């Protein structure tokens, strides 16, 4: 889509909050089972609306939000712990006939990102240790290096860094710190500190994304400021593991990968996509110029035309000789 530097050269305009549910933790080489993306603009986060509530106002969830939530057949057994936490089983994906992580997912992600205003930053809680490396591993299994032009930032790192620098986050007061207890930065723990209740629908991709946005809103100004300076290109993320397996549809349609990569889509459309018809100056009707692979060109080279003419002339001579001999006899 566009060139990307080591850190954003200007403030991030779109924050894409992401959460993945998978078959297990890194040692088991997990596969993605649920992926959810919510795109929220900087304008929406800078101009929050509040609901009057005791003892303090609560920010309303942004209304203008683009959403992409996908169920993906991991084609790999869930670990018992992952299944008990998420409530997902392999039978669920089989019964509902869900597909694997394939080129269709890439098409959806690419279309989703193209619709957002850059710079774009993926945001995930503990993303640098789990979500980003796992997504990178799935993309690598399809032969992709990553997501060109997309930044990423981890809210877990951001909150720890801001707290370490003694920056007072907006309404971000740790009661446990006053009691001398070790602070917890888990998603559910952070939500409890702000809302005095545990979040609903935990450990579902969509539920956790909503929880993350609710937490982010409480200190949006400081967190956006931190990410403007500390977000990094997604492609610098190291894959959680290297999967030697390649999906069959990728092997059969290798060129489709390049066509859907954001950084190459426009180049390929100009250089490699052929057009059946084109107009030249003064033309009133389309003229066949560049023929594509599904429209084979007819044989009209000079050598072939000459050969046809010689063959036709030979047939005339042979016919004349045959009729001439019969007349003489």
Protein backbone atom coordinates (compact mmCIF):
# COMPACT_ATOMS: atom_id res chain seq x y z
CA UNK A 1 0.00 0.00 0.00
CA UNK A 2 2.73 2.43 0.94
CA UNK A 3 6.30 2.52 2.15
CA UNK A 4 6.80 2.01 5.87
CA UNK A 5 9.68 3.24 8.02
CA UNK A 6 11.00 1.85 11.30
CA UNK A 7 8.59 4.07 13.23
CA UNK A 8 5.64 6.17 12.06
CA UNK A 9 6.72 9.49 10.55
CA UNK A 10 3.41 11.05 11.57
CA UNK A 11 0.68 10.25 14.12
CA UNK A 12 -1.19 6.98 13.63
CA UNK A 13 -4.59 7.59 12.08
CA UNK A 14 -6.23 4.16 12.46
CA UNK A 15 -5.86 1.74 15.35
CA UNK A 16 -6.88 -1.83 14.46
CA UNK A 17 -7.51 -3.69 17.71
CA UNK A 18 -6.88 -7.40 17.26
CA UNK A 19 -7.29 -10.62 19.20
CA UNK A 20 -6.65 -14.22 18.22
CA UNK A 21 -7.93 -17.42 19.77
CA UNK A 22 -5.85 -20.48 18.98
CA UNK A 23 -5.28 -24.14 19.72
CA UNK A 24 -2.74 -23.56 22.46
CA UNK A 25 0.40 -21.77 23.65
CA UNK A 26 3.66 -21.30 21.68
CA UNK A 27 5.38 -24.60 22.59
CA UNK A 28 2.56 -26.51 20.85
CA UNK A 29 2.94 -24.53 17.58
CA UNK A 30 -0.66 -23.29 17.77
CA UNK A 31 -2.95 -22.50 14.85
CA UNK A 32 -5.48 -19.66 14.72
CA UNK A 33 -9.12 -20.58 15.37
CA UNK A 34 -10.69 -17.12 15.70
CA UNK A 35 -9.48 -13.73 14.46
CA UNK A 36 -11.17 -10.43 15.19
CA UNK A 37 -10.19 -6.94 13.99
CA UNK A 38 -11.89 -3.67 15.02
CA UNK A 39 -10.69 -0.50 13.26
CA UNK A 40 -11.13 2.71 15.28
CA UNK A 41 -9.97 6.11 14.02
CA UNK A 42 -7.82 8.49 16.00
CA UNK A 43 -10.61 11.06 15.76
CA UNK A 44 -13.03 8.71 17.53
CA UNK A 45 -10.54 8.05 20.34
CA UNK A 46 -9.75 11.76 20.76
CA UNK A 47 -13.43 12.71 20.89
CA UNK A 48 -14.97 10.18 23.22
CA UNK A 49 -18.55 10.43 24.39
CA UNK A 50 -19.30 9.66 28.02
CA UNK A 51 -22.19 8.19 29.97
CA UNK A 52 -22.82 9.79 33.31
CA UNK A 53 -22.28 7.17 35.96
CA UNK A 54 -21.36 7.03 39.60
CA UNK A 55 -18.67 7.57 40.79
CA UNK A 56 -17.21 8.77 37.44
CA UNK A 57 -18.31 9.02 33.79
CA UNK A 58 -17.76 5.95 31.63
CA UNK A 59 -16.66 6.34 27.97
CA UNK A 60 -19.14 5.04 25.43
CA UNK A 61 -17.96 2.46 22.91
CA UNK A 62 -17.13 4.12 19.54
CA UNK A 63 -20.01 3.93 17.07
CA UNK A 64 -18.07 4.27 13.81
CA UNK A 65 -16.07 1.05 13.79
CA UNK A 66 -15.14 -1.36 10.99
CA UNK A 67 -15.19 -5.01 12.10
CA UNK A 68 -13.78 -8.24 10.69
CA UNK A 69 -14.40 -11.42 12.69
CA UNK A 70 -13.57 -14.79 11.17
CA UNK A 71 -13.79 -18.39 12.39
CA UNK A 72 -10.93 -20.51 11.03
CA UNK A 73 -10.63 -24.29 11.13
CA UNK A 74 -7.22 -24.78 12.77
CA UNK A 75 -6.96 -28.29 11.34
CA UNK A 76 -5.04 -29.18 14.48
CA UNK A 77 -6.21 -30.52 17.85
CA UNK A 78 -6.81 -28.01 20.65
CA UNK A 79 -4.79 -28.58 23.77
CA UNK A 80 -7.03 -29.54 26.72
CA UNK A 81 -6.22 -26.26 28.49
CA UNK A 82 -6.97 -24.11 25.44
CA UNK A 83 -10.25 -25.90 24.84
CA UNK A 84 -11.34 -25.47 28.46
CA UNK A 85 -10.46 -21.76 28.48
CA UNK A 86 -11.95 -20.78 25.12
CA UNK A 87 -14.76 -23.33 24.94
CA UNK A 88 -13.72 -24.18 21.37
CA UNK A 89 -13.38 -27.73 20.02
CA UNK A 90 -12.34 -29.21 16.70
CA UNK A 91 -15.80 -30.72 16.34
CA UNK A 92 -17.34 -27.23 16.30
CA UNK A 93 -15.35 -26.20 13.24
CA UNK A 94 -15.98 -29.53 11.53
CA UNK A 95 -19.73 -29.48 12.15
CA UNK A 96 -19.98 -25.88 10.89
CA UNK A 97 -17.78 -26.64 7.84
CA UNK A 98 -15.26 -23.85 8.45
CA UNK A 99 -12.23 -23.49 6.19
CA UNK A 100 -8.55 -23.30 7.07
CA UNK A 101 -6.35 -20.20 7.10
CA UNK A 102 -6.04 -19.74 3.33
CA UNK A 103 -5.90 -17.17 0.56
CA UNK A 104 -9.49 -16.10 1.22
CA UNK A 105 -8.45 -14.85 4.67
CA UNK A 106 -5.67 -12.83 3.06
CA UNK A 107 -8.08 -11.29 0.58
CA UNK A 108 -10.38 -10.23 3.43
CA UNK A 109 -7.54 -8.78 5.51
CA UNK A 110 -6.12 -6.89 2.54
CA UNK A 111 -9.51 -5.41 1.65
CA UNK A 112 -10.07 -4.50 5.31
CA UNK A 113 -6.75 -2.64 5.62
CA UNK A 114 -7.10 -0.86 2.26
CA UNK A 115 -10.33 0.72 3.50
CA UNK A 116 -8.57 2.28 6.53
CA UNK A 117 -6.77 5.62 6.59
CA UNK A 118 -2.99 5.25 7.06
CA UNK A 119 -0.83 5.12 9.06
CA UNK A 120 -2.45 1.94 10.39
CA UNK A 121 -1.39 0.20 13.60
CA UNK A 122 -2.39 -3.25 14.82
CA UNK A 123 -3.01 -3.16 18.56
CA UNK A 124 -3.10 -6.27 20.74
CA UNK A 125 -2.66 -6.98 24.45
CA UNK A 126 0.49 -9.07 24.84
CA UNK A 127 0.64 -8.89 21.05
CA UNK A 128 4.44 -8.91 20.79
CA UNK A 129 4.63 -12.24 22.62
CA UNK A 130 1.62 -14.01 21.12
CA UNK A 131 -0.78 -12.45 18.59
CA UNK A 132 1.73 -10.84 16.22
CA UNK A 133 4.18 -13.80 16.07
CA UNK A 134 1.29 -16.25 15.59
CA UNK A 135 -0.24 -14.23 12.76
CA UNK A 136 3.22 -13.94 11.20
CA UNK A 137 3.61 -17.74 11.38
CA UNK A 138 0.29 -18.29 9.60
CA UNK A 139 1.25 -15.78 6.89
CA UNK A 140 4.68 -17.39 6.51
CA UNK A 141 3.00 -20.77 5.95
CA UNK A 142 1.42 -19.20 2.86
CA UNK A 143 4.75 -17.86 1.66
CA UNK A 144 4.22 -14.25 2.77
CA UNK A 145 6.75 -12.16 4.64
CA UNK A 146 4.06 -10.23 6.48
CA UNK A 147 1.74 -7.24 6.06
CA UNK A 148 3.49 -4.47 4.17
CA UNK A 149 2.77 -0.95 5.35
CA UNK A 150 1.20 -1.97 8.68
CA UNK A 151 2.57 -1.07 12.12
CA UNK A 152 1.93 -2.94 15.37
CA UNK A 153 1.97 -2.06 19.07
CA UNK A 154 1.44 -3.97 22.30
CA UNK A 155 -0.83 -2.41 24.93
CA UNK A 156 0.76 -4.56 27.64
CA UNK A 157 4.17 -3.05 26.89
CA UNK A 158 2.67 0.42 26.57
CA UNK A 159 0.97 0.32 29.98
CA UNK A 160 4.05 -1.04 31.71
CA UNK A 161 6.31 1.55 30.05
CA UNK A 162 4.06 4.47 30.91
CA UNK A 163 3.74 3.30 34.50
CA UNK A 164 7.51 2.83 34.80
CA UNK A 165 8.08 6.37 33.60
CA UNK A 166 5.67 7.58 36.31
CA UNK A 167 3.34 9.07 33.74
CA UNK A 168 -0.10 9.43 35.18
CA UNK A 169 -2.44 7.80 32.71
CA UNK A 170 -5.87 9.36 32.42
CA UNK A 171 -7.81 8.00 35.42
CA UNK A 172 -5.22 5.20 35.59
CA UNK A 173 -4.78 4.84 39.38
CA UNK A 174 -3.63 1.53 40.79
CA UNK A 175 -5.22 0.77 44.10
CA UNK A 176 -3.06 -2.33 44.48
CA UNK A 177 0.07 -0.19 44.21
CA UNK A 178 -0.94 1.74 47.30
CA UNK A 179 -1.25 -1.52 49.21
CA UNK A 180 2.24 -2.58 48.20
CA UNK A 181 0.98 -5.41 46.02
CA UNK A 182 2.45 -6.36 42.68
CA UNK A 183 0.47 -4.83 39.85
CA UNK A 184 -1.18 -7.11 37.33
CA UNK A 185 -1.48 -6.14 33.67
CA UNK A 186 -3.66 -8.97 32.40
CA UNK A 187 -6.62 -7.98 30.23
CA UNK A 188 -9.21 -9.02 32.82
CA UNK A 189 -7.25 -7.39 35.68
CA UNK A 190 -6.98 -4.08 33.83
CA UNK A 191 -10.69 -4.10 33.04
CA UNK A 192 -11.53 -4.77 36.70
CA UNK A 193 -9.46 -1.78 37.85
CA UNK A 194 -11.43 0.58 35.63
CA UNK A 195 -14.93 -0.89 35.81
CA UNK A 196 -14.91 -2.81 39.12
CA UNK A 197 -16.23 -5.88 37.34
CA UNK A 198 -14.80 -8.60 35.14
CA UNK A 199 -15.40 -8.34 31.39
CA UNK A 200 -18.11 -10.42 29.71
CA UNK A 201 -17.32 -12.89 26.91
CA UNK A 202 -13.68 -13.32 27.91
CA UNK A 203 -11.51 -15.62 25.79
CA UNK A 204 -13.52 -15.08 22.64
CA UNK A 205 -11.75 -13.04 19.97
CA UNK A 206 -14.55 -10.49 19.63
CA UNK A 207 -15.16 -10.26 23.38
CA UNK A 208 -11.48 -9.63 24.12
CA UNK A 209 -11.23 -6.96 21.42
CA UNK A 210 -14.20 -5.12 22.95
CA UNK A 211 -12.58 -5.42 26.39
CA UNK A 212 -9.29 -4.05 25.03
CA UNK A 213 -11.00 -1.03 23.45
CA UNK A 214 -12.84 -0.32 26.72
CA UNK A 215 -9.51 -0.31 28.57
CA UNK A 216 -7.77 1.74 25.87
CA UNK A 217 -10.45 4.44 26.03
CA UNK A 218 -9.68 5.08 29.70
CA UNK A 219 -6.20 6.35 28.82
CA UNK A 220 -6.46 6.87 25.06
CA UNK A 221 -4.44 10.12 24.87
CA UNK A 222 -1.38 8.73 26.65
CA UNK A 223 -1.52 5.36 24.89
CA UNK A 224 -1.82 6.92 21.42
CA UNK A 225 1.10 9.20 22.23
CA UNK A 226 3.20 6.19 23.25
CA UNK A 227 2.30 4.24 20.10
CA UNK A 228 3.10 7.17 17.81
CA UNK A 229 6.71 6.84 18.95
CA UNK A 230 7.01 3.12 19.70
CA UNK A 231 4.95 1.29 17.07
CA UNK A 232 7.06 -0.88 14.76
CA UNK A 233 6.47 -2.36 11.30
CA UNK A 234 4.60 -5.64 11.52
CA UNK A 235 7.12 -7.22 9.13
CA UNK A 236 9.87 -6.86 11.75
CA UNK A 237 7.96 -9.33 13.94
CA UNK A 238 9.57 -12.74 14.16
CA UNK A 239 7.26 -15.67 13.37
CA UNK A 240 6.36 -17.82 16.37
CA UNK A 241 7.56 -20.87 14.42
CA UNK A 242 8.40 -21.90 10.88
CA UNK A 243 5.83 -24.20 9.32
CA UNK A 244 7.25 -26.24 6.44
CA UNK A 245 3.74 -27.21 5.34
CA UNK A 246 2.25 -25.25 2.44
CA UNK A 247 -1.45 -25.18 1.75
CA UNK A 248 -2.36 -26.99 -1.51
CA UNK A 249 -4.17 -23.98 -2.97
CA UNK A 250 -1.04 -21.89 -2.46
CA UNK A 251 1.10 -24.37 -4.38
CA UNK A 252 -1.34 -24.33 -7.26
CA UNK A 253 -1.84 -20.57 -7.36
CA UNK A 254 1.46 -19.02 -6.32
CA UNK A 255 0.88 -15.81 -8.27
CA UNK A 256 -2.28 -15.04 -6.27
CA UNK A 257 -0.09 -14.33 -3.26
CA UNK A 258 1.63 -11.44 -5.00
CA UNK A 259 -1.63 -10.11 -6.37
CA UNK A 260 -3.14 -9.65 -2.92
CA UNK A 261 -0.04 -8.29 -1.17
CA UNK A 262 -0.77 -4.60 -0.48
CA UNK A 263 2.67 -3.45 -1.60
CA UNK A 264 2.50 -5.26 -4.92
CA UNK A 265 -1.14 -5.11 -5.93
CA UNK A 266 -0.93 -1.81 -7.78
CA UNK A 267 2.40 -2.64 -9.42
CA UNK A 268 1.15 -5.95 -10.72
CA UNK A 269 -2.03 -4.37 -12.04
CA UNK A 270 0.06 -2.00 -14.14
CA UNK A 271 2.78 -4.38 -15.27
CA UNK A 272 1.29 -7.84 -15.58
CA UNK A 273 -2.48 -7.59 -15.94
CA UNK A 274 -3.37 -7.67 -19.64
CA UNK A 275 -6.40 -6.03 -21.17
CA UNK A 276 -8.54 -7.51 -23.85
CA UNK A 277 -9.46 -4.17 -25.43
CA UNK A 278 -7.99 -0.69 -25.50
CA UNK A 279 -8.75 2.63 -27.15
CA UNK A 280 -6.28 4.70 -29.17
CA UNK A 281 -6.67 8.36 -30.09
CA UNK A 282 -9.54 8.77 -32.52
CA UNK A 283 -10.91 5.25 -32.12
CA UNK A 284 -14.65 4.92 -31.77
CA UNK A 285 -14.69 1.18 -31.17
CA UNK A 286 -12.57 -0.96 -28.90
CA UNK A 287 -9.65 -2.58 -30.71
CA UNK A 288 -8.11 -5.88 -29.73
CA UNK A 289 -4.55 -5.06 -28.64
CA UNK A 290 -3.20 -7.04 -25.71
CA UNK A 291 -4.62 -10.53 -25.47
CA UNK A 292 -4.70 -12.32 -22.17
CA UNK A 293 -4.15 -16.00 -21.48
CA UNK A 294 -7.86 -16.76 -21.76
CA UNK A 295 -8.14 -15.16 -25.20
CA UNK A 296 -5.59 -16.89 -27.47
CA UNK A 297 -4.36 -14.81 -30.35
CA UNK A 298 -5.24 -15.93 -33.90
CA UNK A 299 -2.53 -16.93 -36.36
CA UNK A 300 -1.85 -13.81 -38.42
CA UNK A 301 1.95 -13.62 -38.74
CA UNK A 302 3.40 -12.84 -42.24
CA UNK A 303 5.09 -16.25 -42.61
CA UNK A 304 1.90 -18.14 -41.92
CA UNK A 305 -0.05 -16.00 -44.41
CA UNK A 306 2.56 -16.60 -47.12
CA UNK A 307 2.43 -20.33 -46.54
CA UNK A 308 -1.35 -20.31 -46.90
CA UNK A 309 -1.12 -18.35 -50.17
CA UNK A 310 1.46 -20.75 -51.61
CA UNK A 311 -0.68 -23.73 -50.66
CA UNK A 312 -3.73 -22.17 -52.30
CA UNK A 313 -1.75 -21.38 -55.48
CA UNK A 314 -0.41 -24.95 -55.61
CA UNK A 315 -3.95 -26.34 -55.43
CA UNK A 316 -4.98 -24.12 -58.35
CA UNK A 317 -2.06 -25.31 -60.51
CA UNK A 318 -2.71 -28.98 -59.76
CA UNK A 319 -6.40 -28.58 -60.60
CA UNK A 320 -5.59 -26.79 -63.88
CA UNK A 321 -3.13 -29.50 -64.94
CA UNK A 322 -5.62 -32.27 -64.15
CA UNK A 323 -8.44 -30.66 -66.13
CA UNK A 324 -6.10 -29.76 -69.01
CA UNK A 325 -4.88 -33.36 -69.45
CA UNK A 326 -8.42 -34.75 -69.47
CA UNK A 327 -9.43 -32.23 -72.19
CA UNK A 328 -6.50 -33.22 -74.38
CA UNK A 329 -7.35 -36.92 -74.10
